[in-house]
């Protein structure tokens, strides 16, 4: 099959579009950008309610700390070892669960979503024990390769800590479903234990 971008005319057209793109983006909000912002604002309220309900049901309000981003950190055990910092190799045990399955009412031009019934709240979507390592853990570089809420929470921990990270959907995968079976707009919970910090 002939590659259409090889011809000089198509190459010039592609370059012209790339150069014009920033000017097009700066013309103001598009309907899609506005809808995405409104959708995120609605999900902030839904996620906050989901997280508060979880904390009440499990009598964890007094142990929960909310960060400016909206992440909740619940201390189960306080460690006394070195602090996790960006770039450190961290050995962790964790279980990832759904706090919600992405369900939300219709708003801002987005259709209502019943969520993914195959992944009910509380079900496990990831577990370090499944990684088949001798320790049942994962070695992870802090500050890289993770969703925003997990990275932020990890940097609030130290060796010996055992904490819950309650992550609103915007700090997880947002409105984009993942191939790993994580539905759009799902709030997540990670039960994390720091085994070692190097």
N, C-alpha and C. Protein backbone atom coordinates (compact mmCIF):
# COMPACT_ATOMS: atom_id res chain seq x y z
N UNK A 1 0.84 -1.18 0.00
CA UNK A 1 0.00 0.00 0.00
C UNK A 1 0.89 1.25 0.00
N UNK A 2 0.53 2.22 -0.79
CA UNK A 2 1.31 3.44 -0.93
C UNK A 2 1.18 4.30 0.33
N UNK A 3 2.31 4.80 0.83
CA UNK A 3 2.30 5.67 2.00
C UNK A 3 1.99 7.09 1.53
N UNK A 4 0.86 7.63 1.96
CA UNK A 4 0.40 8.93 1.50
C UNK A 4 1.25 10.09 1.99
N UNK A 5 2.00 9.92 3.06
CA UNK A 5 2.78 11.03 3.59
C UNK A 5 4.15 11.18 2.91
N UNK A 6 4.48 10.28 1.99
CA UNK A 6 5.79 10.37 1.35
C UNK A 6 5.85 11.42 0.25
N UNK A 7 4.73 11.73 -0.37
CA UNK A 7 4.73 12.71 -1.45
C UNK A 7 5.02 14.10 -0.93
N UNK A 8 5.73 14.95 -1.71
CA UNK A 8 6.10 16.29 -1.25
C UNK A 8 4.89 17.16 -0.94
N UNK A 9 3.83 17.02 -1.72
CA UNK A 9 2.63 17.83 -1.48
C UNK A 9 1.99 17.47 -0.13
N UNK A 10 1.89 16.18 0.17
CA UNK A 10 1.30 15.75 1.43
C UNK A 10 2.19 16.11 2.62
N UNK A 11 3.50 16.08 2.39
CA UNK A 11 4.42 16.47 3.45
C UNK A 11 4.25 17.94 3.79
N UNK A 12 4.12 18.79 2.77
CA UNK A 12 3.90 20.22 3.00
C UNK A 12 2.56 20.47 3.70
N UNK A 13 1.53 19.74 3.30
CA UNK A 13 0.22 19.88 3.94
C UNK A 13 0.30 19.49 5.41
N UNK A 14 0.98 18.40 5.72
CA UNK A 14 1.12 17.95 7.11
C UNK A 14 1.89 18.97 7.94
N UNK A 15 2.97 19.51 7.38
CA UNK A 15 3.74 20.53 8.10
C UNK A 15 2.91 21.78 8.35
N UNK A 16 2.13 22.18 7.36
CA UNK A 16 1.27 23.35 7.51
C UNK A 16 0.26 23.16 8.62
N UNK A 17 -0.33 21.98 8.70
CA UNK A 17 -1.30 21.69 9.77
C UNK A 17 -0.64 21.70 11.14
N UNK A 18 0.55 21.14 11.23
CA UNK A 18 1.26 21.15 12.51
C UNK A 18 1.59 22.56 12.96
N UNK A 19 2.00 23.41 12.02
CA UNK A 19 2.34 24.79 12.37
C UNK A 19 1.10 25.61 12.73
N UNK A 20 -0.04 25.29 12.13
CA UNK A 20 -1.27 26.05 12.40
C UNK A 20 -1.97 25.58 13.66
N UNK A 21 -1.69 24.38 14.14
CA UNK A 21 -2.41 23.81 15.28
C UNK A 21 -2.39 24.69 16.52
N UNK A 22 -1.23 25.22 16.96
CA UNK A 22 -1.25 26.07 18.16
C UNK A 22 -2.16 27.28 18.01
N UNK A 23 -2.22 27.88 16.84
CA UNK A 23 -3.09 29.04 16.63
C UNK A 23 -4.54 28.63 16.74
N UNK A 24 -4.87 27.45 16.24
CA UNK A 24 -6.25 26.97 16.34
C UNK A 24 -6.63 26.69 17.79
N UNK A 25 -5.71 26.13 18.57
CA UNK A 25 -5.99 25.82 19.96
C UNK A 25 -6.21 27.08 20.78
N UNK A 26 -5.57 28.16 20.42
CA UNK A 26 -5.63 29.37 21.24
C UNK A 26 -6.85 30.23 20.93
N UNK A 27 -7.73 29.79 20.06
CA UNK A 27 -8.90 30.59 19.69
C UNK A 27 -9.97 30.59 20.76
N UNK A 28 -9.73 29.99 21.89
CA UNK A 28 -10.73 29.95 22.95
C UNK A 28 -11.18 28.53 23.19
N UNK A 29 -12.03 28.38 24.18
CA UNK A 29 -12.53 27.06 24.54
C UNK A 29 -13.38 26.45 23.44
N UNK A 30 -13.13 25.22 23.18
CA UNK A 30 -14.01 24.48 22.29
C UNK A 30 -15.10 23.87 23.14
N UNK A 31 -16.12 23.40 22.49
CA UNK A 31 -17.22 22.74 23.20
C UNK A 31 -16.69 21.52 23.95
N UNK A 32 -15.78 20.79 23.31
CA UNK A 32 -15.22 19.60 23.95
C UNK A 32 -14.44 19.96 25.21
N UNK A 33 -13.61 21.01 25.14
CA UNK A 33 -12.86 21.43 26.33
C UNK A 33 -13.80 21.85 27.45
N UNK A 34 -14.84 22.59 27.10
CA UNK A 34 -15.82 23.03 28.10
C UNK A 34 -16.53 21.83 28.71
N UNK A 35 -16.94 20.87 27.87
CA UNK A 35 -17.62 19.68 28.37
C UNK A 35 -16.70 18.87 29.28
N UNK A 36 -15.43 18.75 28.91
CA UNK A 36 -14.49 18.00 29.74
C UNK A 36 -14.32 18.67 31.11
N UNK A 37 -14.22 20.00 31.12
CA UNK A 37 -14.09 20.72 32.39
C UNK A 37 -15.33 20.55 33.26
N UNK A 38 -16.51 20.67 32.65
CA UNK A 38 -17.76 20.49 33.40
C UNK A 38 -17.88 19.06 33.92
N UNK A 39 -17.48 18.10 33.09
CA UNK A 39 -17.50 16.69 33.48
C UNK A 39 -16.58 16.46 34.68
N UNK A 40 -15.37 17.03 34.63
CA UNK A 40 -14.43 16.88 35.73
C UNK A 40 -14.98 17.52 37.01
N UNK A 41 -15.61 18.68 36.89
CA UNK A 41 -16.20 19.33 38.07
C UNK A 41 -17.29 18.47 38.69
N UNK A 42 -18.12 17.86 37.85
CA UNK A 42 -19.17 16.99 38.37
C UNK A 42 -18.54 15.77 39.05
N UNK A 43 -17.52 15.19 38.42
CA UNK A 43 -16.88 14.01 38.99
C UNK A 43 -16.18 14.32 40.30
N UNK A 44 -15.69 15.56 40.47
CA UNK A 44 -15.09 15.94 41.75
C UNK A 44 -16.08 15.73 42.88
N UNK A 45 -17.33 16.19 42.66
CA UNK A 45 -18.36 16.05 43.69
C UNK A 45 -18.73 14.58 43.90
N UNK A 46 -18.86 13.83 42.81
CA UNK A 46 -19.21 12.40 42.91
C UNK A 46 -18.10 11.64 43.64
N UNK A 47 -16.85 11.87 43.26
CA UNK A 47 -15.73 11.18 43.89
C UNK A 47 -15.60 11.55 45.36
N UNK A 48 -15.79 12.83 45.69
CA UNK A 48 -15.71 13.27 47.09
C UNK A 48 -16.77 12.54 47.92
N UNK A 49 -17.98 12.44 47.38
CA UNK A 49 -19.05 11.73 48.09
C UNK A 49 -18.72 10.24 48.23
N UNK A 50 -18.18 9.64 47.19
CA UNK A 50 -17.79 8.22 47.22
C UNK A 50 -16.74 7.98 48.30
N UNK A 51 -15.73 8.84 48.34
CA UNK A 51 -14.64 8.69 49.31
C UNK A 51 -15.15 8.93 50.73
N UNK A 52 -15.95 9.97 50.93
CA UNK A 52 -16.50 10.25 52.27
C UNK A 52 -17.37 9.09 52.75
N UNK A 53 -18.17 8.51 51.85
CA UNK A 53 -19.01 7.36 52.22
C UNK A 53 -18.16 6.18 52.65
N UNK A 54 -17.08 5.93 51.91
CA UNK A 54 -16.17 4.84 52.27
C UNK A 54 -15.57 5.07 53.65
N UNK A 55 -15.11 6.30 53.90
CA UNK A 55 -14.50 6.62 55.21
C UNK A 55 -15.50 6.44 56.34
N UNK A 56 -16.75 6.88 56.13
CA UNK A 56 -17.79 6.72 57.17
C UNK A 56 -18.10 5.25 57.41
N UNK A 57 -18.33 4.50 56.33
CA UNK A 57 -18.67 3.07 56.46
C UNK A 57 -17.60 2.29 57.22
N UNK A 58 -16.36 2.69 57.06
CA UNK A 58 -15.25 1.97 57.67
C UNK A 58 -14.67 2.67 58.89
N UNK A 59 -15.36 3.70 59.36
CA UNK A 59 -14.98 4.45 60.57
C UNK A 59 -13.52 4.92 60.50
N UNK A 60 -13.16 5.55 59.37
CA UNK A 60 -11.78 5.97 59.15
C UNK A 60 -11.62 7.49 59.07
N UNK A 61 -12.69 8.26 59.32
CA UNK A 61 -12.62 9.71 59.16
C UNK A 61 -11.50 10.34 59.97
N UNK A 62 -11.31 9.87 61.20
CA UNK A 62 -10.31 10.50 62.09
C UNK A 62 -8.87 10.21 61.65
N UNK A 63 -8.67 9.18 60.84
CA UNK A 63 -7.32 8.83 60.39
C UNK A 63 -7.01 9.34 58.98
N UNK A 64 -8.00 9.99 58.35
CA UNK A 64 -7.85 10.41 56.96
C UNK A 64 -7.34 11.83 56.87
N UNK A 65 -6.42 12.03 55.93
CA UNK A 65 -5.91 13.37 55.62
C UNK A 65 -6.18 13.61 54.14
N UNK A 66 -6.75 14.78 53.82
CA UNK A 66 -7.02 15.15 52.43
C UNK A 66 -5.95 16.11 51.97
N UNK A 67 -5.35 15.84 50.81
CA UNK A 67 -4.35 16.74 50.25
C UNK A 67 -5.06 17.80 49.40
N UNK A 68 -4.34 18.82 48.99
CA UNK A 68 -4.92 19.88 48.15
C UNK A 68 -5.46 19.36 46.83
N UNK A 69 -4.89 18.28 46.33
CA UNK A 69 -5.33 17.73 45.04
C UNK A 69 -6.65 16.96 45.15
N UNK A 70 -7.01 16.54 46.38
CA UNK A 70 -8.21 15.74 46.57
C UNK A 70 -7.92 14.30 46.93
N UNK A 71 -6.65 13.91 46.95
CA UNK A 71 -6.24 12.58 47.39
C UNK A 71 -6.47 12.46 48.89
N UNK A 72 -6.98 11.31 49.34
CA UNK A 72 -7.11 11.03 50.77
C UNK A 72 -6.09 9.96 51.14
N UNK A 73 -5.40 10.19 52.26
CA UNK A 73 -4.42 9.24 52.77
C UNK A 73 -4.87 8.84 54.18
N UNK A 74 -5.03 7.53 54.39
CA UNK A 74 -5.45 7.00 55.69
C UNK A 74 -4.30 6.19 56.26
N UNK A 75 -3.81 6.61 57.42
CA UNK A 75 -2.70 5.90 58.06
C UNK A 75 -3.23 4.72 58.86
N UNK A 76 -2.73 3.52 58.54
CA UNK A 76 -3.07 2.31 59.29
C UNK A 76 -1.93 1.97 60.25
N UNK A 77 -0.68 2.07 59.77
CA UNK A 77 0.51 1.87 60.59
C UNK A 77 1.51 2.93 60.19
N UNK A 78 2.10 3.58 61.19
CA UNK A 78 3.09 4.61 60.90
C UNK A 78 4.49 4.02 61.01
N UNK A 79 5.26 4.18 59.94
CA UNK A 79 6.63 3.69 59.94
C UNK A 79 7.58 4.72 60.50
N UNK A 80 8.84 4.29 60.68
CA UNK A 80 9.85 5.22 61.22
C UNK A 80 11.11 5.23 60.36
N UNK A 81 11.05 4.58 59.21
CA UNK A 81 12.21 4.50 58.33
C UNK A 81 12.35 5.71 57.44
N UNK A 82 13.24 5.60 56.45
CA UNK A 82 13.48 6.74 55.55
C UNK A 82 12.25 7.12 54.73
N UNK A 83 12.15 8.40 54.44
CA UNK A 83 11.05 8.96 53.65
C UNK A 83 11.21 8.55 52.19
N UNK A 84 10.09 8.29 51.52
CA UNK A 84 10.09 8.05 50.08
C UNK A 84 10.27 9.41 49.40
N UNK A 85 11.23 9.51 48.50
CA UNK A 85 11.45 10.73 47.73
C UNK A 85 11.57 10.37 46.25
N UNK A 86 11.36 11.33 45.40
CA UNK A 86 11.41 11.12 43.95
C UNK A 86 12.74 10.50 43.55
N UNK A 87 12.65 9.44 42.73
CA UNK A 87 13.84 8.78 42.22
C UNK A 87 14.32 7.62 43.08
N UNK A 88 13.82 7.50 44.33
CA UNK A 88 14.22 6.38 45.20
C UNK A 88 13.56 5.09 44.72
N UNK A 89 14.29 3.99 44.90
CA UNK A 89 13.72 2.67 44.64
C UNK A 89 12.95 2.24 45.88
N UNK A 90 11.68 1.94 45.70
CA UNK A 90 10.80 1.62 46.82
C UNK A 90 10.25 0.21 46.61
N UNK A 91 10.37 -0.61 47.65
CA UNK A 91 9.82 -1.95 47.61
C UNK A 91 8.46 -1.87 48.31
N UNK A 92 7.39 -2.18 47.57
CA UNK A 92 6.04 -2.03 48.13
C UNK A 92 5.20 -3.28 47.95
N UNK A 93 4.29 -3.46 48.88
CA UNK A 93 3.21 -4.42 48.73
C UNK A 93 1.95 -3.58 48.60
N UNK A 94 1.08 -3.96 47.69
CA UNK A 94 -0.15 -3.19 47.51
C UNK A 94 -1.28 -4.05 46.97
N UNK A 95 -2.48 -3.58 47.21
CA UNK A 95 -3.68 -4.14 46.59
C UNK A 95 -4.47 -2.95 46.05
N UNK A 96 -4.82 -3.00 44.78
CA UNK A 96 -5.63 -1.95 44.17
C UNK A 96 -7.07 -2.41 44.04
N UNK A 97 -8.01 -1.60 44.55
CA UNK A 97 -9.44 -1.92 44.48
C UNK A 97 -10.20 -0.76 43.86
N UNK A 98 -11.38 -1.06 43.35
CA UNK A 98 -12.26 -0.01 42.86
C UNK A 98 -13.03 0.59 44.03
N UNK A 99 -13.01 1.92 44.13
CA UNK A 99 -13.92 2.61 45.05
C UNK A 99 -15.26 2.81 44.35
N UNK A 100 -15.20 3.02 43.05
CA UNK A 100 -16.39 3.13 42.21
C UNK A 100 -16.07 2.49 40.88
N UNK A 101 -17.12 2.16 40.13
CA UNK A 101 -16.89 1.52 38.84
C UNK A 101 -17.14 2.46 37.67
N UNK A 102 -17.07 3.77 37.95
CA UNK A 102 -17.21 4.74 36.88
C UNK A 102 -18.63 5.19 36.62
N UNK A 103 -19.58 4.77 37.44
CA UNK A 103 -20.97 5.17 37.22
C UNK A 103 -21.14 6.66 37.53
N UNK A 104 -21.94 7.34 36.68
CA UNK A 104 -22.27 8.74 36.94
C UNK A 104 -23.49 9.13 36.12
N UNK A 105 -24.24 10.13 36.61
CA UNK A 105 -25.42 10.58 35.87
C UNK A 105 -25.04 11.41 34.65
N UNK A 106 -25.99 11.62 33.77
CA UNK A 106 -25.74 12.43 32.57
C UNK A 106 -25.50 13.88 32.94
N UNK A 107 -24.50 14.49 32.31
CA UNK A 107 -24.26 15.92 32.51
C UNK A 107 -23.29 16.42 31.47
N UNK A 108 -23.27 17.69 31.26
CA UNK A 108 -22.28 18.37 30.43
C UNK A 108 -22.09 17.74 29.06
N UNK A 109 -23.16 17.23 28.49
CA UNK A 109 -23.04 16.66 27.16
C UNK A 109 -22.52 15.23 27.12
N UNK A 110 -22.19 14.66 28.28
CA UNK A 110 -21.74 13.27 28.34
C UNK A 110 -22.93 12.39 28.66
N UNK A 111 -23.03 11.23 28.04
CA UNK A 111 -24.14 10.33 28.38
C UNK A 111 -23.96 9.75 29.78
N UNK A 112 -25.08 9.42 30.39
CA UNK A 112 -25.02 8.77 31.70
C UNK A 112 -24.25 7.46 31.55
N UNK A 113 -23.53 7.09 32.59
CA UNK A 113 -22.76 5.86 32.56
C UNK A 113 -23.14 5.01 33.77
N UNK A 114 -23.56 3.77 33.52
CA UNK A 114 -23.86 2.88 34.65
C UNK A 114 -22.59 2.30 35.25
N UNK A 115 -21.44 2.67 34.70
CA UNK A 115 -20.19 2.09 35.15
C UNK A 115 -20.01 0.72 34.54
N UNK A 116 -19.03 0.01 35.00
CA UNK A 116 -18.76 -1.31 34.47
C UNK A 116 -19.20 -2.34 35.51
N UNK A 117 -20.31 -3.04 35.25
CA UNK A 117 -20.83 -4.00 36.24
C UNK A 117 -19.87 -5.16 36.49
N UNK A 118 -18.90 -5.36 35.60
CA UNK A 118 -17.92 -6.43 35.81
C UNK A 118 -16.88 -6.08 36.87
N UNK A 119 -16.86 -4.81 37.28
CA UNK A 119 -15.88 -4.35 38.25
C UNK A 119 -16.58 -3.58 39.37
N UNK A 120 -17.30 -4.27 40.22
CA UNK A 120 -18.03 -3.58 41.29
C UNK A 120 -17.09 -2.96 42.31
N UNK A 121 -17.59 -1.93 42.99
CA UNK A 121 -16.81 -1.28 44.04
C UNK A 121 -16.33 -2.34 45.02
N UNK A 122 -15.06 -2.24 45.41
CA UNK A 122 -14.47 -3.19 46.34
C UNK A 122 -13.70 -4.31 45.66
N UNK A 123 -13.95 -4.55 44.37
CA UNK A 123 -13.25 -5.64 43.71
C UNK A 123 -11.81 -5.25 43.40
N UNK A 124 -10.94 -6.24 43.41
CA UNK A 124 -9.50 -6.03 43.20
C UNK A 124 -9.21 -5.97 41.70
N UNK A 125 -8.43 -4.95 41.29
CA UNK A 125 -7.99 -4.87 39.90
C UNK A 125 -6.49 -5.07 39.76
N UNK A 126 -5.72 -4.97 40.86
CA UNK A 126 -4.27 -5.18 40.80
C UNK A 126 -3.78 -5.56 42.19
N UNK A 127 -2.75 -6.40 42.23
CA UNK A 127 -2.23 -6.89 43.51
C UNK A 127 -0.76 -7.23 43.31
N UNK A 128 0.10 -6.67 44.15
CA UNK A 128 1.54 -6.96 44.02
C UNK A 128 1.84 -8.44 44.23
N UNK A 129 1.01 -9.14 44.97
CA UNK A 129 1.22 -10.57 45.20
C UNK A 129 1.13 -11.35 43.89
N UNK A 130 0.44 -10.79 42.90
CA UNK A 130 0.30 -11.46 41.60
C UNK A 130 1.52 -11.28 40.71
N UNK A 131 2.49 -10.50 41.15
CA UNK A 131 3.67 -10.21 40.31
C UNK A 131 4.68 -11.35 40.33
N UNK A 132 4.43 -12.35 41.14
CA UNK A 132 5.27 -13.55 41.23
C UNK A 132 6.71 -13.26 41.61
N UNK A 133 6.87 -12.36 42.57
CA UNK A 133 8.20 -12.10 43.10
C UNK A 133 8.31 -12.84 44.43
N UNK A 134 9.52 -13.09 44.85
CA UNK A 134 9.75 -13.83 46.09
C UNK A 134 9.10 -13.15 47.29
N UNK A 135 9.15 -11.81 47.32
CA UNK A 135 8.61 -11.06 48.45
C UNK A 135 7.11 -10.75 48.31
N UNK A 136 6.53 -11.06 47.13
CA UNK A 136 5.13 -10.69 46.91
C UNK A 136 4.98 -9.19 46.80
N UNK A 137 6.04 -8.54 46.37
CA UNK A 137 6.04 -7.08 46.31
C UNK A 137 6.50 -6.61 44.94
N UNK A 138 6.61 -5.31 44.80
CA UNK A 138 7.04 -4.70 43.55
C UNK A 138 8.09 -3.66 43.88
N UNK A 139 9.16 -3.62 43.10
CA UNK A 139 10.15 -2.55 43.25
C UNK A 139 9.75 -1.46 42.26
N UNK A 140 9.65 -0.27 42.78
CA UNK A 140 9.07 0.84 42.04
C UNK A 140 9.94 2.07 42.22
N UNK A 141 10.11 2.85 41.16
CA UNK A 141 10.84 4.12 41.28
C UNK A 141 9.84 5.21 41.61
N UNK A 142 9.99 5.82 42.77
CA UNK A 142 9.05 6.84 43.23
C UNK A 142 9.04 8.03 42.29
N UNK A 143 7.85 8.51 41.98
CA UNK A 143 7.70 9.70 41.15
C UNK A 143 7.67 9.44 39.66
N UNK A 144 7.62 8.15 39.26
CA UNK A 144 7.57 7.89 37.81
C UNK A 144 6.69 6.68 37.53
N UNK A 145 6.05 6.73 36.36
CA UNK A 145 5.34 5.57 35.85
C UNK A 145 4.07 5.17 36.57
N UNK A 146 3.44 6.06 37.27
CA UNK A 146 2.21 5.72 37.97
C UNK A 146 1.19 6.84 37.79
N UNK A 147 -0.05 6.53 38.11
CA UNK A 147 -1.08 7.56 38.07
C UNK A 147 -0.76 8.63 39.11
N UNK A 148 -1.27 9.83 38.90
CA UNK A 148 -0.93 10.98 39.74
C UNK A 148 -1.22 10.74 41.21
N UNK A 149 -2.38 10.18 41.53
CA UNK A 149 -2.75 9.97 42.93
C UNK A 149 -1.85 8.98 43.64
N UNK A 150 -1.44 7.93 42.94
CA UNK A 150 -0.54 6.94 43.53
C UNK A 150 0.83 7.55 43.76
N UNK A 151 1.34 8.28 42.77
CA UNK A 151 2.66 8.94 42.91
C UNK A 151 2.66 9.92 44.08
N UNK A 152 1.61 10.74 44.16
CA UNK A 152 1.52 11.72 45.25
C UNK A 152 1.48 11.02 46.61
N UNK A 153 0.66 9.98 46.71
CA UNK A 153 0.54 9.25 47.98
C UNK A 153 1.83 8.59 48.40
N UNK A 154 2.52 7.99 47.45
CA UNK A 154 3.79 7.31 47.74
C UNK A 154 4.80 8.28 48.33
N UNK A 155 4.82 9.52 47.81
CA UNK A 155 5.77 10.52 48.30
C UNK A 155 5.40 11.06 49.69
N UNK A 156 4.26 10.65 50.22
CA UNK A 156 3.85 11.03 51.58
C UNK A 156 4.12 9.89 52.57
N UNK A 157 4.87 8.87 52.12
CA UNK A 157 5.08 7.68 52.95
C UNK A 157 6.57 7.50 53.27
N UNK A 158 6.82 6.60 54.23
CA UNK A 158 8.18 6.24 54.62
C UNK A 158 8.22 4.72 54.87
N UNK A 159 9.42 4.20 54.99
CA UNK A 159 9.58 2.76 55.24
C UNK A 159 8.82 2.38 56.51
N UNK A 160 8.04 1.30 56.40
CA UNK A 160 7.26 0.82 57.53
C UNK A 160 5.82 1.31 57.53
N UNK A 161 5.51 2.31 56.70
CA UNK A 161 4.14 2.82 56.61
C UNK A 161 3.22 1.79 55.96
N UNK A 162 2.00 1.78 56.44
CA UNK A 162 0.91 1.03 55.81
C UNK A 162 -0.25 2.01 55.73
N UNK A 163 -0.60 2.42 54.51
CA UNK A 163 -1.62 3.45 54.33
C UNK A 163 -2.58 3.07 53.21
N UNK A 164 -3.76 3.66 53.28
CA UNK A 164 -4.73 3.57 52.21
C UNK A 164 -4.65 4.86 51.41
N UNK A 165 -4.62 4.75 50.09
CA UNK A 165 -4.67 5.90 49.21
C UNK A 165 -6.02 5.86 48.50
N UNK A 166 -6.89 6.83 48.79
CA UNK A 166 -8.21 6.91 48.18
C UNK A 166 -8.12 7.97 47.08
N UNK A 167 -8.17 7.51 45.84
CA UNK A 167 -7.81 8.35 44.70
C UNK A 167 -9.03 8.70 43.87
N UNK A 168 -9.37 10.00 43.80
CA UNK A 168 -10.48 10.40 42.93
C UNK A 168 -10.14 10.11 41.47
N UNK A 169 -11.16 9.94 40.66
CA UNK A 169 -10.96 9.51 39.26
C UNK A 169 -10.04 10.45 38.48
N UNK A 170 -10.08 11.75 38.74
CA UNK A 170 -9.24 12.69 37.98
C UNK A 170 -7.76 12.50 38.28
N UNK A 171 -7.43 11.88 39.44
CA UNK A 171 -6.04 11.59 39.79
C UNK A 171 -5.68 10.15 39.45
N UNK A 172 -6.66 9.43 38.86
CA UNK A 172 -6.43 8.06 38.41
C UNK A 172 -6.34 8.10 36.87
N UNK A 173 -7.36 7.57 36.20
CA UNK A 173 -7.34 7.54 34.74
C UNK A 173 -8.36 8.49 34.11
N UNK A 174 -9.10 9.23 34.94
CA UNK A 174 -10.03 10.22 34.42
C UNK A 174 -11.11 9.60 33.54
N UNK A 175 -11.53 10.32 32.49
CA UNK A 175 -12.64 9.85 31.66
C UNK A 175 -12.24 8.83 30.60
N UNK A 176 -11.04 8.28 30.72
CA UNK A 176 -10.55 7.37 29.69
C UNK A 176 -10.45 5.95 30.23
N UNK A 177 -11.25 5.01 29.69
CA UNK A 177 -11.15 3.62 30.15
C UNK A 177 -9.80 3.03 29.76
N UNK A 178 -9.32 2.08 30.55
CA UNK A 178 -8.02 1.46 30.31
C UNK A 178 -8.20 0.03 29.83
N UNK A 179 -7.24 -0.44 29.03
CA UNK A 179 -7.31 -1.80 28.51
C UNK A 179 -7.25 -2.83 29.63
N UNK A 180 -6.70 -2.45 30.77
CA UNK A 180 -6.57 -3.39 31.89
C UNK A 180 -7.91 -3.61 32.58
N UNK A 181 -9.00 -3.06 32.04
CA UNK A 181 -10.31 -3.28 32.61
C UNK A 181 -10.73 -2.23 33.61
N UNK A 182 -10.04 -1.11 33.65
CA UNK A 182 -10.42 -0.03 34.56
C UNK A 182 -11.35 0.89 33.80
N UNK A 183 -12.61 1.01 34.25
CA UNK A 183 -13.56 1.84 33.51
C UNK A 183 -13.26 3.33 33.65
N UNK A 184 -13.80 4.11 32.73
CA UNK A 184 -13.68 5.56 32.80
C UNK A 184 -14.29 6.06 34.10
N UNK A 185 -13.72 7.13 34.65
CA UNK A 185 -14.25 7.82 35.83
C UNK A 185 -14.29 6.96 37.09
N UNK A 186 -13.43 5.97 37.17
CA UNK A 186 -13.39 5.11 38.36
C UNK A 186 -12.49 5.72 39.43
N UNK A 187 -13.04 5.87 40.64
CA UNK A 187 -12.23 6.23 41.81
C UNK A 187 -11.59 4.95 42.31
N UNK A 188 -10.34 5.06 42.76
CA UNK A 188 -9.57 3.87 43.14
C UNK A 188 -9.08 3.94 44.57
N UNK A 189 -8.82 2.77 45.15
CA UNK A 189 -8.24 2.66 46.48
C UNK A 189 -7.02 1.75 46.39
N UNK A 190 -5.90 2.21 46.93
CA UNK A 190 -4.71 1.37 47.03
C UNK A 190 -4.37 1.18 48.49
N UNK A 191 -4.23 -0.06 48.91
CA UNK A 191 -3.76 -0.44 50.24
C UNK A 191 -2.26 -0.68 50.05
N UNK A 192 -1.42 0.23 50.60
CA UNK A 192 0.02 0.22 50.30
C UNK A 192 0.84 0.06 51.58
N UNK A 193 1.83 -0.82 51.49
CA UNK A 193 2.78 -1.01 52.58
C UNK A 193 4.19 -0.82 52.02
N UNK A 194 4.97 0.07 52.67
CA UNK A 194 6.36 0.32 52.23
C UNK A 194 7.28 -0.65 52.95
N UNK A 195 7.87 -1.56 52.19
CA UNK A 195 8.76 -2.57 52.76
C UNK A 195 10.17 -2.02 52.90
N UNK A 196 10.64 -1.30 51.87
CA UNK A 196 12.00 -0.76 51.92
C UNK A 196 12.11 0.46 51.02
N UNK A 197 13.04 1.35 51.36
CA UNK A 197 13.33 2.54 50.55
C UNK A 197 14.85 2.58 50.35
N UNK A 198 15.30 2.59 49.10
CA UNK A 198 16.74 2.62 48.79
C UNK A 198 17.07 3.87 47.99
